[in-house]
Amino acid sequence: MGTKDEEKLVIGPQKYGGETAVVSMRMPKDMLAELDRIAAETGRTRNEILMLSIEFAMDRMEIKKRED
């Protein structure tokens, strides 16, 4: 796994459209405050920032097989 500063999440135009589904999650309040700060700074919604962040992580994710 790389370092935190290896790649940056660049916020550009929306990529996904179409049907959506509602997902609920819990997060620390300080993380939510940071999410709100980023949303305000970029003019994006919480949802957009979360979607971009998840997409960024999934595109760079490496799944290791379990060793039995």
Protein backbone atom coordinates (compact mmCIF):
# COMPACT_ATOMS: atom_id res chain seq x y z
CA MET A 1 0.00 0.00 0.00
CA GLY A 2 1.33 3.44 -0.91
CA THR A 3 1.83 6.49 1.22
CA LYS A 4 -0.88 9.05 1.90
CA ASP A 5 0.80 11.68 -0.30
CA GLU A 6 1.35 9.32 -3.25
CA GLU A 7 -1.79 10.35 -5.15
CA LYS A 8 -4.32 13.13 -4.73
CA LEU A 9 -8.05 12.98 -5.34
CA VAL A 10 -8.74 15.60 -8.00
CA ILE A 11 -12.33 16.82 -8.01
CA GLY A 12 -13.62 17.20 -11.56
CA PRO A 13 -16.91 16.77 -13.42
CA GLN A 14 -19.40 14.11 -12.32
CA LYS A 15 -18.76 10.65 -13.75
CA TYR A 16 -21.81 8.65 -12.67
CA GLY A 17 -25.46 9.19 -13.44
CA GLY A 18 -28.61 7.17 -13.61
CA GLU A 19 -30.30 5.14 -10.90
CA THR A 20 -29.12 5.49 -7.33
CA ALA A 21 -29.61 3.67 -4.04
CA VAL A 22 -29.58 5.02 -0.50
CA VAL A 23 -26.72 3.83 1.73
CA SER A 24 -26.26 4.72 5.38
CA MET A 25 -22.96 4.76 7.27
CA ARG A 26 -21.47 5.92 10.53
CA MET A 27 -18.37 8.09 10.75
CA PRO A 28 -16.55 10.02 13.45
CA LYS A 29 -17.89 13.56 13.97
CA ASP A 30 -14.49 15.10 13.21
CA MET A 31 -14.41 13.25 9.87
CA LEU A 32 -17.91 14.57 9.09
CA ALA A 33 -16.74 18.10 9.90
CA GLU A 34 -13.80 17.67 7.50
CA LEU A 35 -16.16 16.31 4.84
CA ASP A 36 -18.39 19.36 5.26
CA ARG A 37 -15.37 21.68 5.03
CA ILE A 38 -14.26 20.03 1.76
CA ALA A 39 -17.81 20.18 0.38
CA ALA A 40 -18.08 23.89 1.18
CA GLU A 41 -14.64 24.65 -0.27
CA THR A 42 -15.33 22.80 -3.53
CA GLY A 43 -19.01 23.71 -3.94
CA ARG A 44 -19.88 19.99 -3.98
CA THR A 45 -22.34 18.13 -1.77
CA ARG A 46 -21.36 15.63 0.91
CA ASN A 47 -22.70 12.91 -1.35
CA GLU A 48 -20.54 14.01 -4.29
CA ILE A 49 -17.40 14.11 -2.15
CA LEU A 50 -18.15 10.66 -0.72
CA MET A 51 -18.83 9.22 -4.19
CA LEU A 52 -15.58 10.67 -5.57
CA SER A 53 -13.64 9.38 -2.57
CA ILE A 54 -15.08 5.88 -2.84
CA GLU A 55 -14.47 5.77 -6.59
CA PHE A 56 -10.87 6.92 -6.04
CA ALA A 57 -10.30 4.19 -3.44
CA MET A 58 -11.95 1.43 -5.50
CA ASP A 59 -9.89 2.30 -8.59
CA ARG A 60 -6.67 1.94 -6.58
CA MET A 61 -7.65 -0.92 -4.29
CA GLU A 62 -5.66 -4.13 -4.13
CA ILE A 63 -7.47 -7.16 -2.77
CA LYS A 64 -5.28 -9.74 -1.11
CA LYS A 65 -6.47 -13.32 -0.97
CA ARG A 66 -6.87 -14.86 2.46
CA GLU A 67 -4.31 -17.43 3.41
CA ASP A 68 -6.06 -20.44 4.94
